[in-house]
Protein backbone atom coordinates (compact mmCIF):
# COMPACT_ATOMS: atom_id res chain seq x y z
CA MET A 1 49.83 60.76 -58.86
CA SER A 2 50.49 64.13 -56.89
CA ASP A 3 53.05 64.50 -54.16
CA ALA A 4 50.64 65.06 -51.63
CA ALA A 5 49.11 61.63 -52.54
CA GLU A 6 52.52 59.83 -52.37
CA GLN A 7 53.69 61.24 -49.00
CA LYS A 8 53.45 58.77 -46.43
CA ILE A 9 51.57 58.98 -42.96
CA SER A 10 53.82 57.13 -40.09
CA HIS A 11 52.28 54.20 -38.73
CA GLU A 12 52.20 56.21 -35.28
CA ALA A 13 50.28 59.43 -37.06
CA TYR A 14 47.28 56.51 -38.55
CA PHE A 15 47.05 54.30 -35.79
CA GLY A 16 47.75 56.45 -32.95
CA SER A 17 50.47 55.30 -29.93
CA PRO A 18 50.42 51.23 -29.87
CA GLN A 19 49.03 50.75 -26.42
CA THR A 20 45.88 52.73 -27.83
CA VAL A 21 45.95 49.95 -31.34
CA LYS A 22 46.62 47.14 -28.76
CA SER A 23 43.46 48.47 -26.80
CA GLU A 24 41.30 49.38 -29.36
CA TRP A 25 41.92 45.73 -31.00
CA ASP A 26 41.35 44.37 -27.57
CA GLY A 27 38.42 45.53 -26.88
CA ARG A 28 36.55 44.25 -29.98
CA GLN A 29 36.69 40.80 -27.92
CA VAL A 30 35.57 42.44 -24.78
CA ASP A 31 31.65 42.80 -23.44
CA TRP A 32 31.51 46.84 -23.23
CA LEU A 33 29.71 46.66 -20.64
CA LEU A 34 31.57 44.50 -18.47
CA GLN A 35 34.41 46.51 -19.28
CA TRP A 36 32.30 49.32 -17.99
CA LEU A 37 30.98 47.10 -14.73
CA GLY A 38 34.77 46.42 -13.65
CA GLY A 39 36.12 50.27 -14.30
CA PHE A 40 33.58 51.78 -12.11
CA ILE A 41 33.78 49.06 -9.02
CA ASN A 42 37.60 50.42 -9.80
CA GLU A 43 36.55 54.07 -9.59
CA THR A 44 34.19 53.77 -6.41
CA ASN A 45 35.92 50.92 -4.49
CA LEU A 46 32.38 48.90 -4.45
CA ASN A 47 31.97 45.15 -4.26
CA ILE A 48 29.43 43.05 -6.37
CA GLY A 49 28.83 39.39 -6.44
CA ILE A 50 29.08 38.05 -10.17
CA THR A 51 29.51 35.09 -11.83
CA LEU A 52 31.52 34.90 -15.11
CA THR A 53 31.23 32.25 -18.00
CA VAL A 54 35.12 31.39 -18.92
CA GLY A 55 35.75 28.75 -21.09
CA GLY A 56 32.76 26.75 -20.40
CA ASN A 57 33.17 26.83 -17.07
CA MET A 58 31.45 29.24 -14.21
CA ILE A 59 33.81 31.35 -12.15
CA THR A 60 31.85 32.97 -9.12
CA GLY A 61 32.88 35.51 -6.63
CA THR A 62 32.98 39.06 -5.62
CA LEU A 63 33.93 41.47 -8.04
CA ILE A 64 36.40 43.99 -6.07
CA PRO A 65 38.82 47.12 -7.18
CA HIS A 66 42.11 46.10 -8.71
CA THR A 67 43.75 48.23 -5.60
CA ALA A 68 42.06 45.53 -3.09
CA TYR A 69 43.15 42.51 -5.24
CA PHE A 70 46.66 43.95 -5.19
CA GLU A 71 46.81 44.51 -1.50
CA ARG A 72 45.38 40.98 -0.54
CA LEU A 73 47.76 39.40 -3.28
CA ALA A 74 50.68 41.90 -1.20
CA LYS A 75 49.82 40.05 2.19
CA TYR A 76 48.87 36.76 1.42
CA LEU A 77 51.97 36.33 -0.87
CA SER A 78 54.67 38.30 1.63
CA ALA A 79 53.25 36.10 4.31
CA PRO A 80 55.31 33.11 3.82
CA PHE A 81 58.78 34.96 4.03
CA ALA A 82 58.24 36.64 7.70
CA ALA A 83 59.84 33.43 9.43
CA ALA A 84 62.60 34.41 7.46
CA GLY A 85 63.03 37.38 9.52
CA GLY A 86 65.00 40.19 7.46
CA GLU A 87 63.00 42.47 4.56
CA SER A 88 62.15 39.82 2.14
CA GLN A 89 58.69 40.03 3.20
CA GLN A 90 58.86 43.81 3.53
CA ILE A 91 60.11 44.44 0.03
CA LEU A 92 58.29 42.19 -1.37
CA HIS A 93 55.02 43.17 -0.24
CA ASP A 94 56.03 46.96 -1.40
CA ARG A 95 56.70 46.00 -5.10
CA ILE A 96 53.21 43.96 -4.72
CA ILE A 97 51.74 47.17 -3.91
CA ARG A 98 53.53 49.47 -6.44
CA PHE A 99 51.28 48.05 -8.42
CA ASN A 100 48.23 49.95 -7.29
CA ASP A 101 50.35 53.50 -7.76
CA PRO A 102 47.85 55.92 -9.65
CA VAL A 103 47.68 56.37 -13.04
CA ASP A 104 47.29 59.52 -15.28
CA PRO A 105 43.87 60.02 -16.43
CA GLU A 106 44.51 61.30 -19.55
CA THR A 107 46.71 58.21 -20.56
CA GLN A 108 44.57 55.61 -18.73
CA LEU A 109 43.50 52.81 -21.01
CA PRO A 110 40.33 50.97 -20.42
CA ILE A 111 40.63 47.90 -18.51
CA GLN A 112 41.78 44.55 -19.81
CA TYR A 113 41.36 42.51 -16.24
CA ILE A 114 39.35 42.07 -13.63
CA HIS A 115 39.56 41.21 -10.27
CA LEU A 116 37.44 38.47 -7.46
CA ASP A 117 37.61 38.10 -4.39
CA ASN A 118 36.11 34.78 -2.98
CA ALA A 119 36.67 33.18 -6.44
CA ARG A 120 35.27 30.01 -6.64
CA LEU A 121 35.16 27.60 -10.13
CA HIS A 122 32.18 25.49 -10.98
CA ALA A 123 33.48 22.91 -13.30
CA GLY A 124 30.35 20.75 -13.42
CA GLY A 125 28.29 19.46 -10.97
CA ASN A 126 28.18 20.33 -7.54
CA GLN A 127 32.22 20.40 -8.24
CA ILE A 128 33.79 23.65 -6.78
CA LEU A 129 37.24 24.38 -6.32
CA PRO A 130 38.90 25.64 -4.26
CA ASP A 131 36.00 25.18 -1.52
CA LYS A 132 36.99 28.05 0.45
CA GLY A 133 37.50 30.52 -2.35
CA THR A 134 40.64 32.77 -3.38
CA LEU A 135 42.13 35.74 -5.02
CA TRP A 136 41.40 35.80 -8.94
CA ARG A 137 42.43 37.50 -11.85
CA GLY A 138 41.25 37.23 -15.21
CA LYS A 139 41.70 38.85 -18.60
CA LEU A 140 38.18 40.35 -19.82
CA SER A 141 38.55 39.22 -23.25
CA ALA A 142 38.69 35.83 -22.12
CA VAL A 143 34.80 36.16 -20.36
CA GLU A 144 32.23 34.49 -22.61
CA GLY A 145 29.41 35.97 -20.22
CA PHE A 146 28.27 37.18 -17.07
CA ILE A 147 25.67 37.20 -14.60
CA LEU A 148 25.22 39.45 -11.41
CA GLY A 149 24.70 37.31 -8.27
CA GLU A 150 27.00 34.69 -7.26
CA LEU A 151 26.12 30.94 -7.23
CA ASN A 152 25.66 28.96 -4.45
CA VAL A 153 25.73 25.31 -3.78
CA ILE A 154 22.51 23.50 -2.29
CA LYS A 155 23.67 20.27 0.26
């Protein structure tokens, strides 16, 4: 064997960064169209009704940008701390909002999570949990299928 053939290529040189490897392999488990749609929603700040099949159940709601998700999450999670006074509420709110810090487009990986508002789980029949809807964050690789539009129960 020649010396050139015996030279070892580093793991990073062969595969790239660990983040790239994870994104590439995890991405193979993800519906590329749903991943694109989630990225489009994030970039354009639009909302769209969607129904997802996850673990044999249907989750329906409004697909929202990750920025809107974290703004609403910060509001909901920090609200109970208002009664405590002091800075607790603002500290928690600000910490959650920091998840929205801009990412360099050169290093940004494809999205791995999507976010719904007014999410409801249809668990069979007319059973809906919760009845008023809530925020929902889900892993794209767990989604088995989707349709555009929200499900409504006819009473």
